[in-house]
Amino acid sequence: MEFLKRISICLFAIALITGCAMNDEARDNNRTANNANIQNVANRNNNDTRMQVADEAQDKIENLSEVRHANVIVTNRNAYVAVVLDDDSKGEVRKDVENKISDQVKSTDDNIRNVFVSSNPDFVDRMGDYGDKIQSGKPIRGLFEEFNEMVQRIFPNAR
């Protein structure tokens, strides 16, 4: 009987130690997974709020004969281009001109996948204001939300 009692105690101790070790391993795996999820969310949030003026792209676009003035803002892999065309047309930009503009923007940044172009006068004015605020170092959190709302109105299929 004493022998069975000792075996039972040993088996219980082994089960307890094994269970604790498994819990520690599971806890470590959970912690690693949670840290990875937090990092992914942080990266996504940081990328989502990246907003910068693309001066080089702007210069290249303004060198096109069809364009008088341009403002370019880049967020993530998207570039938004507001143009004043040489012929003063407003709203829709001819597809051939849009393609030339897109090529110029993508030639300055390999990360750009989508280029959205408009000559809508309201868009042109607001893009100029956003560009000035970004370059002056103003906080972009509220600006970014406002910018996204405007982009949704002008380019409803952009997302």
N, C-alpha and C. Protein backbone atom coordinates (compact mmCIF):
# COMPACT_ATOMS: atom_id res chain seq x y z
N MET A 1 0.81 -1.18 0.00
CA MET A 1 0.00 0.00 0.00
C MET A 1 0.87 1.25 0.00
N GLU A 2 1.90 1.23 0.82
CA GLU A 2 2.83 2.36 0.89
C GLU A 2 3.48 2.59 -0.47
N PHE A 3 3.80 1.50 -1.14
CA PHE A 3 4.41 1.58 -2.46
C PHE A 3 3.47 2.27 -3.45
N LEU A 4 2.20 1.93 -3.47
CA LEU A 4 1.22 2.55 -4.36
C LEU A 4 1.03 4.03 -4.03
N LYS A 5 1.09 4.32 -2.75
CA LYS A 5 0.94 5.72 -2.33
C LYS A 5 2.10 6.55 -2.88
N ARG A 6 3.33 6.00 -2.79
CA ARG A 6 4.51 6.71 -3.30
C ARG A 6 4.43 6.88 -4.81
N ILE A 7 4.01 5.85 -5.51
CA ILE A 7 3.88 5.94 -6.97
C ILE A 7 2.84 6.99 -7.34
N SER A 8 1.74 6.99 -6.63
CA SER A 8 0.68 7.98 -6.88
C SER A 8 1.19 9.39 -6.67
N ILE A 9 1.94 9.60 -5.59
CA ILE A 9 2.49 10.93 -5.30
C ILE A 9 3.48 11.32 -6.40
N CYS A 10 4.33 10.40 -6.81
CA CYS A 10 5.31 10.67 -7.88
C CYS A 10 4.60 11.01 -9.19
N LEU A 11 3.60 10.22 -9.55
CA LEU A 11 2.86 10.48 -10.78
C LEU A 11 2.15 11.83 -10.72
N PHE A 12 1.59 12.16 -9.56
CA PHE A 12 0.92 13.44 -9.38
C PHE A 12 1.94 14.58 -9.54
N ALA A 13 3.12 14.41 -8.92
CA ALA A 13 4.16 15.44 -9.01
C ALA A 13 4.62 15.62 -10.46
N ILE A 14 4.81 14.52 -11.17
CA ILE A 14 5.23 14.58 -12.57
C ILE A 14 4.16 15.28 -13.41
N ALA A 15 2.91 14.93 -13.19
CA ALA A 15 1.81 15.56 -13.93
C ALA A 15 1.75 17.05 -13.63
N LEU A 16 1.94 17.41 -12.37
CA LEU A 16 1.91 18.81 -11.97
C LEU A 16 3.04 19.59 -12.63
N ILE A 17 4.25 19.04 -12.59
CA ILE A 17 5.41 19.71 -13.19
C ILE A 17 5.23 19.82 -14.70
N THR A 18 4.80 18.74 -15.33
CA THR A 18 4.58 18.76 -16.78
C THR A 18 3.51 19.76 -17.15
N GLY A 19 2.44 19.78 -16.40
CA GLY A 19 1.35 20.73 -16.66
C GLY A 19 1.82 22.16 -16.52
N CYS A 20 2.61 22.46 -15.49
CA CYS A 20 3.13 23.82 -15.30
C CYS A 20 4.06 24.19 -16.44
N ALA A 21 4.90 23.25 -16.85
CA ALA A 21 5.81 23.54 -17.95
C ALA A 21 5.03 23.82 -19.22
N MET A 22 3.98 23.04 -19.47
CA MET A 22 3.16 23.27 -20.66
C MET A 22 2.46 24.61 -20.58
N ASN A 23 1.98 24.97 -19.38
CA ASN A 23 1.33 26.27 -19.24
C ASN A 23 2.31 27.41 -19.50
N ASP A 24 3.55 27.26 -19.01
CA ASP A 24 4.56 28.28 -19.25
C ASP A 24 4.84 28.41 -20.74
N GLU A 25 4.95 27.27 -21.42
CA GLU A 25 5.20 27.29 -22.86
C GLU A 25 4.02 27.92 -23.60
N ALA A 26 2.82 27.55 -23.22
CA ALA A 26 1.63 28.13 -23.86
C ALA A 26 1.58 29.63 -23.59
N ARG A 27 1.91 30.03 -22.36
CA ARG A 27 1.91 31.44 -22.01
C ARG A 27 2.94 32.19 -22.85
N ASP A 28 4.14 31.60 -23.02
CA ASP A 28 5.17 32.22 -23.85
C ASP A 28 4.71 32.35 -25.29
N ASN A 29 4.07 31.28 -25.81
CA ASN A 29 3.56 31.34 -27.19
C ASN A 29 2.50 32.43 -27.33
N ASN A 30 1.60 32.51 -26.35
CA ASN A 30 0.58 33.56 -26.37
C ASN A 30 1.20 34.94 -26.33
N ARG A 31 2.21 35.10 -25.45
CA ARG A 31 2.87 36.39 -25.32
C ARG A 31 3.52 36.78 -26.64
N THR A 32 4.20 35.82 -27.29
CA THR A 32 4.85 36.08 -28.58
C THR A 32 3.81 36.46 -29.62
N ALA A 33 2.71 35.72 -29.67
CA ALA A 33 1.65 36.02 -30.64
C ALA A 33 1.03 37.39 -30.37
N ASN A 34 0.79 37.71 -29.10
CA ASN A 34 0.23 39.02 -28.77
C ASN A 34 1.18 40.14 -29.14
N ASN A 35 2.48 39.95 -28.87
CA ASN A 35 3.46 40.97 -29.25
C ASN A 35 3.48 41.17 -30.76
N ALA A 36 3.40 40.08 -31.51
CA ALA A 36 3.38 40.19 -32.97
C ALA A 36 2.14 40.93 -33.43
N ASN A 37 0.98 40.63 -32.82
CA ASN A 37 -0.26 41.33 -33.19
C ASN A 37 -0.16 42.81 -32.86
N ILE A 38 0.38 43.13 -31.70
CA ILE A 38 0.53 44.54 -31.33
C ILE A 38 1.45 45.24 -32.32
N GLN A 39 2.55 44.59 -32.69
CA GLN A 39 3.48 45.18 -33.65
C GLN A 39 2.81 45.39 -35.00
N ASN A 40 2.03 44.40 -35.46
CA ASN A 40 1.32 44.55 -36.74
C ASN A 40 0.35 45.71 -36.70
N VAL A 41 -0.39 45.84 -35.61
CA VAL A 41 -1.33 46.95 -35.48
C VAL A 41 -0.57 48.26 -35.46
N ALA A 42 0.53 48.32 -34.70
CA ALA A 42 1.32 49.55 -34.64
C ALA A 42 1.87 49.91 -36.02
N ASN A 43 2.37 48.92 -36.75
CA ASN A 43 2.89 49.19 -38.08
C ASN A 43 1.79 49.68 -39.00
N ARG A 44 0.63 49.03 -38.93
CA ARG A 44 -0.48 49.44 -39.80
C ARG A 44 -0.91 50.86 -39.46
N ASN A 45 -1.03 51.15 -38.18
CA ASN A 45 -1.44 52.49 -37.78
C ASN A 45 -0.41 53.53 -38.18
N ASN A 46 0.87 53.21 -38.02
CA ASN A 46 1.90 54.16 -38.42
C ASN A 46 1.87 54.39 -39.91
N ASN A 47 1.70 53.33 -40.69
CA ASN A 47 1.65 53.48 -42.13
C ASN A 47 0.41 54.23 -42.58
N ASP A 48 -0.71 53.97 -41.90
CA ASP A 48 -1.95 54.63 -42.29
C ASP A 48 -1.88 56.13 -42.10
N THR A 49 -1.06 56.60 -41.18
CA THR A 49 -1.02 58.03 -40.92
C THR A 49 0.20 58.69 -41.55
N ARG A 50 0.91 57.98 -42.37
CA ARG A 50 2.05 58.57 -43.08
C ARG A 50 1.50 59.49 -44.14
N MET A 51 1.90 60.73 -44.09
CA MET A 51 1.47 61.72 -45.07
C MET A 51 2.66 62.60 -45.37
N GLN A 52 3.03 62.67 -46.63
CA GLN A 52 4.15 63.53 -46.97
C GLN A 52 3.94 64.18 -48.33
N VAL A 53 4.53 65.35 -48.46
CA VAL A 53 4.50 66.07 -49.73
C VAL A 53 5.61 65.49 -50.59
N ALA A 54 5.29 65.20 -51.83
CA ALA A 54 6.28 64.62 -52.75
C ALA A 54 6.76 65.70 -53.71
N ASP A 55 7.76 66.46 -53.26
CA ASP A 55 8.27 67.59 -54.05
C ASP A 55 8.87 67.16 -55.38
N GLU A 56 9.62 66.06 -55.35
CA GLU A 56 10.27 65.60 -56.60
C GLU A 56 9.21 65.21 -57.64
N ALA A 57 8.18 64.51 -57.20
CA ALA A 57 7.10 64.13 -58.12
C ALA A 57 6.40 65.38 -58.64
N GLN A 58 6.17 66.33 -57.75
CA GLN A 58 5.52 67.58 -58.13
C GLN A 58 6.32 68.29 -59.22
N ASP A 59 7.63 68.38 -59.04
CA ASP A 59 8.49 69.03 -60.04
C ASP A 59 8.41 68.33 -61.39
N LYS A 60 8.44 66.99 -61.36
CA LYS A 60 8.38 66.24 -62.62
C LYS A 60 7.05 66.44 -63.33
N ILE A 61 5.96 66.49 -62.57
CA ILE A 61 4.64 66.69 -63.16
C ILE A 61 4.54 68.08 -63.77
N GLU A 62 5.08 69.07 -63.06
CA GLU A 62 5.02 70.45 -63.56
C GLU A 62 5.88 70.65 -64.81
N ASN A 63 6.79 69.72 -65.09
CA ASN A 63 7.58 69.77 -66.32
C ASN A 63 6.81 69.26 -67.53
N LEU A 64 5.67 68.62 -67.30
CA LEU A 64 4.84 68.16 -68.42
C LEU A 64 4.19 69.37 -69.08
N SER A 65 4.11 69.36 -70.39
CA SER A 65 3.56 70.52 -71.12
C SER A 65 2.08 70.75 -70.81
N GLU A 66 1.35 69.72 -70.40
CA GLU A 66 -0.08 69.85 -70.14
C GLU A 66 -0.39 70.43 -68.75
N VAL A 67 0.63 70.52 -67.89
CA VAL A 67 0.39 70.89 -66.50
C VAL A 67 1.03 72.23 -66.16
N ARG A 68 0.23 73.10 -65.54
CA ARG A 68 0.73 74.40 -65.07
C ARG A 68 1.24 74.30 -63.63
N HIS A 69 0.48 73.59 -62.78
CA HIS A 69 0.84 73.48 -61.37
C HIS A 69 0.35 72.14 -60.82
N ALA A 70 1.08 71.61 -59.83
CA ALA A 70 0.68 70.34 -59.21
C ALA A 70 1.03 70.33 -57.74
N ASN A 71 0.21 69.61 -56.97
CA ASN A 71 0.49 69.28 -55.57
C ASN A 71 0.37 67.77 -55.44
N VAL A 72 1.32 67.17 -54.76
CA VAL A 72 1.32 65.71 -54.61
C VAL A 72 1.49 65.37 -53.14
N ILE A 73 0.57 64.58 -52.62
CA ILE A 73 0.67 64.06 -51.25
C ILE A 73 0.65 62.54 -51.32
N VAL A 74 1.57 61.94 -50.60
CA VAL A 74 1.71 60.48 -50.59
C VAL A 74 1.29 59.96 -49.21
N THR A 75 0.44 58.93 -49.24
CA THR A 75 0.07 58.20 -48.03
C THR A 75 0.21 56.73 -48.36
N ASN A 76 0.95 56.01 -47.54
CA ASN A 76 1.19 54.58 -47.79
C ASN A 76 1.71 54.37 -49.19
N ARG A 77 0.97 53.63 -49.98
CA ARG A 77 1.39 53.32 -51.35
C ARG A 77 0.57 54.09 -52.37
N ASN A 78 -0.12 55.13 -51.90
CA ASN A 78 -0.97 55.94 -52.78
C ASN A 78 -0.43 57.35 -52.90
N ALA A 79 -0.56 57.90 -54.10
CA ALA A 79 -0.21 59.30 -54.33
C ALA A 79 -1.46 60.00 -54.83
N TYR A 80 -1.73 61.16 -54.27
CA TYR A 80 -2.88 61.97 -54.67
C TYR A 80 -2.33 63.24 -55.30
N VAL A 81 -2.76 63.49 -56.53
CA VAL A 81 -2.21 64.59 -57.31
C VAL A 81 -3.33 65.56 -57.67
N ALA A 82 -3.12 66.81 -57.28
CA ALA A 82 -4.03 67.89 -57.68
C ALA A 82 -3.30 68.71 -58.75
N VAL A 83 -3.94 68.86 -59.88
CA VAL A 83 -3.27 69.58 -60.98
C VAL A 83 -4.12 70.74 -61.50
N VAL A 84 -3.40 71.78 -61.89
CA VAL A 84 -4.00 72.86 -62.68
C VAL A 84 -3.44 72.63 -64.08
N LEU A 85 -4.34 72.35 -65.00
CA LEU A 85 -3.90 72.03 -66.36
C LEU A 85 -3.66 73.30 -67.16
N ASP A 86 -2.80 73.19 -68.14
CA ASP A 86 -2.44 74.33 -68.97
C ASP A 86 -3.63 74.87 -69.75
N ASP A 87 -4.58 73.99 -70.10
CA ASP A 87 -5.76 74.43 -70.86
C ASP A 87 -6.91 74.87 -69.94
N ASP A 88 -6.63 74.93 -68.62
CA ASP A 88 -7.61 75.35 -67.60
C ASP A 88 -8.84 74.46 -67.49
N SER A 89 -8.78 73.25 -68.02
CA SER A 89 -9.92 72.34 -67.84
C SER A 89 -9.96 71.90 -66.38
N LYS A 90 -11.17 71.66 -65.89
CA LYS A 90 -11.35 71.32 -64.48
C LYS A 90 -12.14 70.03 -64.34
N GLY A 91 -11.84 69.28 -63.31
CA GLY A 91 -12.57 68.03 -63.06
C GLY A 91 -11.83 66.85 -63.60
N GLU A 92 -12.35 66.24 -64.65
CA GLU A 92 -11.74 65.06 -65.25
C GLU A 92 -10.45 65.42 -65.96
N VAL A 93 -9.46 64.57 -65.78
CA VAL A 93 -8.19 64.71 -66.48
C VAL A 93 -8.17 63.65 -67.57
N ARG A 94 -7.80 64.06 -68.78
CA ARG A 94 -7.74 63.09 -69.89
C ARG A 94 -6.86 61.90 -69.49
N LYS A 95 -7.25 60.73 -69.94
CA LYS A 95 -6.56 59.49 -69.57
C LYS A 95 -5.08 59.52 -69.96
N ASP A 96 -4.76 60.06 -71.13
CA ASP A 96 -3.35 60.10 -71.55
C ASP A 96 -2.52 61.01 -70.64
N VAL A 97 -3.11 62.12 -70.20
CA VAL A 97 -2.41 63.03 -69.29
C VAL A 97 -2.28 62.37 -67.91
N GLU A 98 -3.35 61.73 -67.48
CA GLU A 98 -3.33 61.02 -66.19
C GLU A 98 -2.24 59.95 -66.18
N ASN A 99 -2.09 59.22 -67.28
CA ASN A 99 -1.05 58.19 -67.38
C ASN A 99 0.35 58.79 -67.32
N LYS A 100 0.55 59.93 -67.99
CA LYS A 100 1.84 60.61 -67.94
C LYS A 100 2.17 61.04 -66.50
N ILE A 101 1.16 61.59 -65.83
CA ILE A 101 1.34 62.04 -64.44
C ILE A 101 1.67 60.85 -63.55
N SER A 102 0.94 59.77 -63.71
CA SER A 102 1.17 58.56 -62.92
C SER A 102 2.59 58.04 -63.13
N ASP A 103 3.04 58.01 -64.37
CA ASP A 103 4.40 57.55 -64.66
C ASP A 103 5.45 58.42 -63.97
N GLN A 104 5.24 59.73 -63.98
CA GLN A 104 6.18 60.66 -63.33
C GLN A 104 6.24 60.41 -61.82
N VAL A 105 5.08 60.22 -61.20
CA VAL A 105 5.02 59.99 -59.76
C VAL A 105 5.71 58.67 -59.42
N LYS A 106 5.36 57.62 -60.12
CA LYS A 106 5.94 56.30 -59.82
C LYS A 106 7.45 56.27 -60.07
N SER A 107 7.94 57.11 -60.97
CA SER A 107 9.39 57.14 -61.24
C SER A 107 10.17 57.72 -60.06
N THR A 108 9.49 58.44 -59.16
CA THR A 108 10.18 59.04 -58.02
C THR A 108 10.11 58.19 -56.76
N ASP A 109 9.22 57.19 -56.72
CA ASP A 109 9.04 56.39 -55.52
C ASP A 109 8.55 55.00 -55.90
N ASP A 110 9.41 54.01 -55.74
CA ASP A 110 9.08 52.62 -56.11
C ASP A 110 7.94 52.04 -55.28
N ASN A 111 7.65 52.63 -54.12
CA ASN A 111 6.60 52.11 -53.25
C ASN A 111 5.19 52.53 -53.69
N ILE A 112 5.09 53.51 -54.56
CA ILE A 112 3.78 54.00 -55.01
C ILE A 112 3.15 52.97 -55.93
N ARG A 113 1.94 52.54 -55.58
CA ARG A 113 1.20 51.59 -56.41
C ARG A 113 0.02 52.24 -57.13
N ASN A 114 -0.60 53.23 -56.48
CA ASN A 114 -1.78 53.87 -57.05
C ASN A 114 -1.59 55.38 -57.09
N VAL A 115 -1.97 55.98 -58.21
CA VAL A 115 -1.89 57.42 -58.36
C VAL A 115 -3.28 57.91 -58.74
N PHE A 116 -3.79 58.85 -57.95
CA PHE A 116 -5.11 59.42 -58.17
C PHE A 116 -4.94 60.89 -58.55
N VAL A 117 -5.53 61.26 -59.68
CA VAL A 117 -5.31 62.61 -60.24
C VAL A 117 -6.65 63.31 -60.43
N SER A 118 -6.68 64.60 -60.04
CA SER A 118 -7.88 65.40 -60.27
C SER A 118 -7.48 66.85 -60.48
N SER A 119 -8.29 67.54 -61.30
CA SER A 119 -8.11 68.98 -61.47
C SER A 119 -9.32 69.72 -60.89
N ASN A 120 -10.09 69.04 -60.05
CA ASN A 120 -11.22 69.66 -59.36
C ASN A 120 -10.69 70.86 -58.56
N PRO A 121 -11.26 72.07 -58.78
CA PRO A 121 -10.74 73.28 -58.12
C PRO A 121 -10.72 73.20 -56.59
N ASP A 122 -11.75 72.60 -55.99
CA ASP A 122 -11.77 72.46 -54.53
C ASP A 122 -10.64 71.54 -54.07
N PHE A 123 -10.44 70.46 -54.80
CA PHE A 123 -9.36 69.52 -54.48
C PHE A 123 -8.00 70.21 -54.60
N VAL A 124 -7.82 70.99 -55.67
CA VAL A 124 -6.56 71.70 -55.88
C VAL A 124 -6.28 72.65 -54.71
N ASP A 125 -7.29 73.42 -54.30
CA ASP A 125 -7.12 74.36 -53.18
C ASP A 125 -6.78 73.65 -51.89
N ARG A 126 -7.54 72.61 -51.59
CA ARG A 126 -7.34 71.90 -50.32
C ARG A 126 -6.00 71.17 -50.29
N MET A 127 -5.59 70.60 -51.42
CA MET A 127 -4.29 69.93 -51.47
C MET A 127 -3.16 70.93 -51.22
N GLY A 128 -3.30 72.13 -51.74
CA GLY A 128 -2.31 73.17 -51.48
C GLY A 128 -2.23 73.48 -49.99
N ASP A 129 -3.40 73.60 -49.35
CA ASP A 129 -3.44 73.86 -47.90
C ASP A 129 -2.83 72.71 -47.11
N TYR A 130 -3.18 71.47 -47.47
CA TYR A 130 -2.64 70.30 -46.77
C TYR A 130 -1.11 70.26 -46.92
N GLY A 131 -0.65 70.51 -48.13
CA GLY A 131 0.80 70.51 -48.38
C GLY A 131 1.51 71.54 -47.52
N ASP A 132 0.94 72.75 -47.42
CA ASP A 132 1.54 73.81 -46.60
C ASP A 132 1.59 73.38 -45.13
N LYS A 133 0.50 72.79 -44.64
CA LYS A 133 0.45 72.37 -43.23
C LYS A 133 1.45 71.25 -42.95
N ILE A 134 1.56 70.31 -43.86
CA ILE A 134 2.50 69.19 -43.67
C ILE A 134 3.93 69.73 -43.65
N GLN A 135 4.26 70.61 -44.59
CA GLN A 135 5.62 71.11 -44.67
C GLN A 135 5.97 72.04 -43.51
N SER A 136 4.96 72.65 -42.90
CA SER A 136 5.24 73.53 -41.76
C SER A 136 5.36 72.74 -40.46
N GLY A 137 5.14 71.42 -40.52
CA GLY A 137 5.32 70.57 -39.35
C GLY A 137 4.11 70.49 -38.44
N LYS A 138 2.95 70.90 -38.91
CA LYS A 138 1.73 70.83 -38.09
C LYS A 138 1.40 69.35 -37.84
N PRO A 139 0.79 69.05 -36.67
CA PRO A 139 0.39 67.66 -36.39
C PRO A 139 -0.59 67.17 -37.46
N ILE A 140 -0.41 65.92 -37.90
CA ILE A 140 -1.23 65.43 -39.01
C ILE A 140 -2.41 64.58 -38.59
N ARG A 141 -2.56 64.25 -37.30
CA ARG A 141 -3.65 63.34 -36.91
C ARG A 141 -5.01 63.85 -37.41
N GLY A 142 -5.44 65.01 -37.02
CA GLY A 142 -6.73 65.55 -37.47
C GLY A 142 -6.71 65.84 -38.96
N LEU A 143 -5.56 66.30 -39.43
CA LEU A 143 -5.40 66.61 -40.84
C LEU A 143 -5.58 65.36 -41.69
N PHE A 144 -5.04 64.25 -41.20
CA PHE A 144 -5.12 62.99 -41.94
C PHE A 144 -6.57 62.54 -42.09
N GLU A 145 -7.34 62.65 -41.01
CA GLU A 145 -8.75 62.27 -41.07
C GLU A 145 -9.52 63.14 -42.05
N GLU A 146 -9.26 64.43 -42.01
CA GLU A 146 -9.92 65.37 -42.94
C GLU A 146 -9.51 65.05 -44.38
N PHE A 147 -8.22 64.78 -44.57
CA PHE A 147 -7.70 64.43 -45.89
C PHE A 147 -8.39 63.18 -46.43
N ASN A 148 -8.53 62.16 -45.58
CA ASN A 148 -9.19 60.91 -45.99
C ASN A 148 -10.64 61.15 -46.41
N GLU A 149 -11.34 62.00 -45.68
CA GLU A 149 -12.73 62.32 -46.05
C GLU A 149 -12.79 62.97 -47.41
N MET A 150 -11.87 63.91 -47.67
CA MET A 150 -11.86 64.58 -48.96
C MET A 150 -11.54 63.59 -50.08
N VAL A 151 -10.56 62.74 -49.85
CA VAL A 151 -10.17 61.75 -50.86
C VAL A 151 -11.36 60.83 -51.19
N GLN A 152 -12.10 60.44 -50.15
CA GLN A 152 -13.28 59.58 -50.37
C GLN A 152 -14.30 60.26 -51.27
N ARG A 153 -14.46 61.57 -51.10
CA ARG A 153 -15.43 62.30 -51.93
C ARG A 153 -14.95 62.42 -53.38
N ILE A 154 -13.68 62.77 -53.55
CA ILE A 154 -13.15 63.00 -54.88
C ILE A 154 -12.88 61.69 -55.62
N PHE A 155 -12.39 60.69 -54.90
CA PHE A 155 -12.06 59.38 -55.48
C PHE A 155 -12.79 58.29 -54.72
N PRO A 156 -14.09 58.10 -54.92
CA PRO A 156 -14.85 57.13 -54.12
C PRO A 156 -14.35 55.69 -54.25
N ASN A 157 -13.66 55.35 -55.31
CA ASN A 157 -13.16 53.98 -55.50
C ASN A 157 -11.70 53.82 -55.08
N ALA A 158 -11.16 54.83 -54.37
CA ALA A 158 -9.74 54.81 -54.01
C ALA A 158 -9.39 53.77 -52.98
N ARG A 159 -10.31 53.29 -52.17
CA ARG A 159 -9.98 52.35 -51.10
C ARG A 159 -10.37 51.01 -51.53
